[in-house]
Amino acid sequence: MPAPDALPAAAALVVIDLQKAIDAPYWGPRNNPEAERNVATLLARWRATGRPIYHVKHDSREPQSAYRPGQDGNEFKDEVKPLPGETVVAKRINSAFVGTDLEARLTRAGHTLLVVTGVLTNNSVEATVRMGGNLGFEILLVSDGCFAVDKRTLDGRLFKAEDVHALSLANMSGEYAQVVDTKWVLERAN
């Protein structure tokens, strides 16, 4: 997909699962400690330019999940909280397109270009990006606007968050999304 010189006014910013639950100790070490700050910067630009914003909120059904409704972890992180009137789409599984009306909302509003951020890179972000790409959306994935955590393989090998993140980005790059960074997006979202 060719890199645009400027992002259209209808380019939708999608922020996936940036809720307090992602800071629960059971997740372990993460990469990209600046992700929330980068997403907050993108949110500020989208708000200033009147571009559409979609916040995706994970409402887990798992009893031990910090993302379960009714607890602090289910709340959005302070630096990326939706403002009144901004769209919030609740989901129960990893892809923001499954069991939600996100696809219908985006299609109805004419948002064909999505700028995607959030967590975890290798989980809900990747599931959403892959499905969105398959549905025909053009996707710009903001590499420094998402992060991963350490992950063990079934045979016990440990992969550091940086490596999990990098591999997930590589999986999505080209076929499902164009991988960019915050600076690249800001230069084109005036």
Protein backbone atom coordinates (compact mmCIF):
# COMPACT_ATOMS: atom_id res chain seq x y z
CA MET A 1 0.00 0.00 0.00
CA PRO A 2 1.48 3.39 -0.92
CA ALA A 3 2.24 5.87 1.85
CA PRO A 4 -0.11 8.85 1.74
CA ASP A 5 1.31 12.38 1.88
CA ALA A 6 -1.61 13.43 4.07
CA LEU A 7 -4.20 11.50 6.02
CA PRO A 8 -7.79 12.19 5.00
CA ALA A 9 -10.15 13.83 7.47
CA ALA A 10 -12.07 10.55 7.62
CA ALA A 11 -9.05 8.54 8.83
CA ALA A 12 -10.29 6.89 12.03
CA LEU A 13 -8.07 6.46 15.08
CA VAL A 14 -8.78 3.14 16.78
CA VAL A 15 -7.50 2.71 20.36
CA ILE A 16 -7.72 -0.92 21.51
CA ASP A 17 -7.99 -2.04 25.16
CA LEU A 18 -5.88 0.70 26.77
CA GLN A 19 -7.48 0.05 30.13
CA LYS A 20 -5.99 -0.06 33.62
CA ALA A 21 -6.12 -3.87 33.51
CA ILE A 22 -3.06 -3.96 31.27
CA ASP A 23 -0.99 -2.86 34.29
CA ALA A 24 -2.02 -5.93 36.34
CA PRO A 25 1.12 -7.71 37.62
CA TYR A 26 0.21 -11.03 35.99
CA TRP A 27 1.01 -9.60 32.55
CA GLY A 28 4.71 -9.33 33.41
CA PRO A 29 7.33 -7.14 31.71
CA ARG A 30 6.35 -5.07 28.68
CA ASN A 31 8.12 -3.10 25.99
CA ASN A 32 7.51 0.44 24.75
CA PRO A 33 6.85 2.36 27.98
CA GLU A 34 5.99 5.46 25.90
CA ALA A 35 3.00 3.83 24.17
CA GLU A 36 0.32 5.57 26.25
CA ARG A 37 2.01 8.94 25.82
CA ASN A 38 2.17 8.39 22.05
CA VAL A 39 -1.50 7.40 21.90
CA ALA A 40 -2.42 10.46 23.99
CA THR A 41 -0.53 12.63 21.48
CA LEU A 42 -2.44 11.05 18.59
CA LEU A 43 -5.74 11.51 20.43
CA ALA A 44 -4.93 15.20 20.93
CA ARG A 45 -4.23 15.63 17.21
CA TRP A 46 -7.38 13.74 16.19
CA ARG A 47 -9.46 15.87 18.56
CA ALA A 48 -7.87 19.11 17.35
CA THR A 49 -8.49 18.24 13.70
CA GLY A 50 -11.99 16.81 14.21
CA ARG A 51 -11.07 13.34 12.99
CA PRO A 52 -13.08 10.28 14.13
CA ILE A 53 -11.99 8.31 17.19
CA TYR A 54 -13.08 4.81 18.20
CA HIS A 55 -12.16 3.52 21.66
CA VAL A 56 -12.36 -0.25 22.00
CA LYS A 57 -12.98 -1.54 25.51
CA HIS A 58 -12.45 -5.15 26.52
CA ASP A 59 -15.18 -6.44 28.85
CA SER A 60 -13.80 -9.85 29.80
CA ARG A 61 -16.03 -12.67 31.01
CA GLU A 62 -13.08 -14.51 32.55
CA PRO A 63 -13.42 -14.59 36.36
CA GLN A 64 -9.73 -13.85 37.01
CA SER A 65 -9.33 -11.16 34.36
CA ALA A 66 -8.47 -7.62 35.41
CA TYR A 67 -10.51 -6.52 32.37
CA ARG A 68 -13.78 -7.79 33.88
CA PRO A 69 -16.48 -5.10 34.23
CA GLY A 70 -17.14 -3.81 37.72
CA GLN A 71 -13.51 -3.42 38.76
CA ASP A 72 -10.91 -0.69 38.37
CA GLY A 73 -9.03 -2.57 35.64
CA ASN A 74 -11.99 -2.23 33.30
CA GLU A 75 -11.63 1.57 33.28
CA PHE A 76 -9.67 3.32 30.53
CA LYS A 77 -6.19 4.53 31.45
CA ASP A 78 -6.30 8.18 32.51
CA GLU A 79 -4.09 9.52 29.71
CA VAL A 80 -6.25 7.98 26.96
CA LYS A 81 -9.77 8.24 28.38
CA PRO A 82 -12.55 8.90 25.89
CA LEU A 83 -14.09 12.35 26.00
CA PRO A 84 -17.88 12.75 26.12
CA GLY A 85 -19.34 11.97 22.70
CA GLU A 86 -16.44 9.81 21.50
CA THR A 87 -17.39 6.34 20.34
CA VAL A 88 -16.74 3.41 22.68
CA VAL A 89 -17.13 -0.12 21.33
CA ALA A 90 -17.23 -2.91 23.90
CA LYS A 91 -15.88 -6.33 22.96
CA ARG A 92 -15.65 -9.66 24.75
CA ILE A 93 -12.93 -11.42 22.75
CA ASN A 94 -9.68 -10.36 21.09
CA SER A 95 -10.89 -8.97 17.72
CA ALA A 96 -12.76 -5.68 17.88
CA PHE A 97 -14.75 -6.81 14.83
CA VAL A 98 -16.24 -9.98 16.35
CA GLY A 99 -19.48 -9.63 18.28
CA THR A 100 -19.51 -5.83 17.91
CA ASP A 101 -20.92 -3.28 15.48
CA LEU A 102 -17.49 -1.76 14.74
CA GLU A 103 -17.45 -2.80 11.08
CA ALA A 104 -20.96 -1.42 10.51
CA ARG A 105 -20.14 1.86 12.29
CA LEU A 106 -16.95 2.37 10.26
CA THR A 107 -18.62 1.46 6.97
CA ARG A 108 -21.68 3.62 7.61
CA ALA A 109 -19.45 6.60 8.42
CA GLY A 110 -17.20 6.04 5.38
CA HIS A 111 -14.04 5.35 7.39
CA THR A 112 -11.94 3.12 5.16
CA LEU A 113 -8.53 4.13 6.56
CA LEU A 114 -7.86 3.08 10.17
CA VAL A 115 -4.94 4.21 12.33
CA VAL A 116 -4.63 1.47 14.96
CA THR A 117 -3.05 1.63 18.44
CA GLY A 118 -3.46 -0.27 21.70
CA VAL A 119 -2.68 -3.57 23.39
CA LEU A 120 -1.50 -6.20 23.23
CA THR A 121 0.37 -6.04 19.93
CA ASN A 122 0.32 -9.82 19.51
CA ASN A 123 -3.22 -10.31 20.80
CA SER A 124 -6.14 -7.91 20.39
CA VAL A 125 -4.23 -5.51 18.15
CA GLU A 126 -3.08 -8.27 15.80
CA ALA A 127 -6.49 -9.99 15.77
CA THR A 128 -8.23 -6.71 14.96
CA VAL A 129 -5.69 -5.65 12.32
CA ARG A 130 -5.78 -9.02 10.57
CA MET A 131 -9.57 -9.08 10.48
CA GLY A 132 -9.79 -5.42 9.49
CA GLY A 133 -7.39 -6.03 6.63
CA ASN A 134 -9.40 -9.05 5.51
CA LEU A 135 -12.58 -6.94 5.62
CA GLY A 136 -10.99 -4.47 3.21
CA PHE A 137 -9.98 -1.63 5.52
CA GLU A 138 -6.68 0.11 4.85
CA ILE A 139 -4.78 -0.03 8.12
CA LEU A 140 -1.88 2.01 9.46
CA LEU A 141 -0.52 0.29 12.56
CA VAL A 142 1.34 2.65 14.90
CA SER A 143 4.33 0.61 16.11
CA ASP A 144 5.16 2.87 19.06
CA GLY A 145 1.46 3.23 19.96
CA CYS A 146 1.16 -0.38 21.07
CA PHE A 147 3.12 -2.86 23.16
CA ALA A 148 3.52 -6.51 24.07
CA VAL A 149 4.54 -8.44 27.18
CA ASP A 150 6.98 -11.31 27.70
CA LYS A 151 5.60 -14.61 26.39
CA ARG A 152 6.53 -18.23 27.03
CA THR A 153 6.22 -20.91 24.39
CA LEU A 154 4.58 -24.24 25.17
CA ASP A 155 8.03 -25.79 25.70
CA GLY A 156 8.96 -23.07 28.22
CA ARG A 157 11.19 -20.78 26.14
CA LEU A 158 10.85 -17.13 27.12
CA PHE A 159 10.50 -14.45 24.46
CA LYS A 160 11.04 -10.90 25.66
CA ALA A 161 8.31 -8.34 25.03
CA GLU A 162 10.49 -6.49 22.51
CA ASP A 163 10.80 -9.67 20.42
CA VAL A 164 7.10 -10.56 20.72
CA HIS A 165 6.21 -7.01 19.62
CA ALA A 166 8.68 -7.05 16.70
CA LEU A 167 7.48 -10.43 15.42
CA SER A 168 3.83 -9.42 15.67
CA LEU A 169 4.53 -6.21 13.71
CA ALA A 170 6.38 -8.26 11.09
CA ASN A 171 3.41 -10.67 10.86
CA MET A 172 1.04 -7.80 10.08
CA SER A 173 3.31 -5.66 7.89
CA GLY A 174 2.45 -5.64 4.22
CA GLU A 175 -0.38 -8.13 4.07
CA TYR A 176 -2.69 -6.63 6.70
CA ALA A 177 -1.27 -3.20 7.51
CA GLN A 178 1.38 -0.63 6.86
CA VAL A 179 3.50 -0.28 10.00
CA VAL A 180 4.29 3.35 10.84
CA ASP A 181 5.19 5.33 13.96
CA THR A 182 3.65 8.26 15.82
CA LYS A 183 5.93 10.85 14.19
CA TRP A 184 5.00 9.58 10.71
CA VAL A 185 1.28 9.84 11.51
CA LEU A 186 1.53 13.30 13.07
CA GLU A 187 3.37 14.64 10.01
CA ARG A 188 0.36 13.61 7.87
CA ALA A 189 -2.54 14.44 10.18
CA ASN A 190 -2.80 18.22 9.98
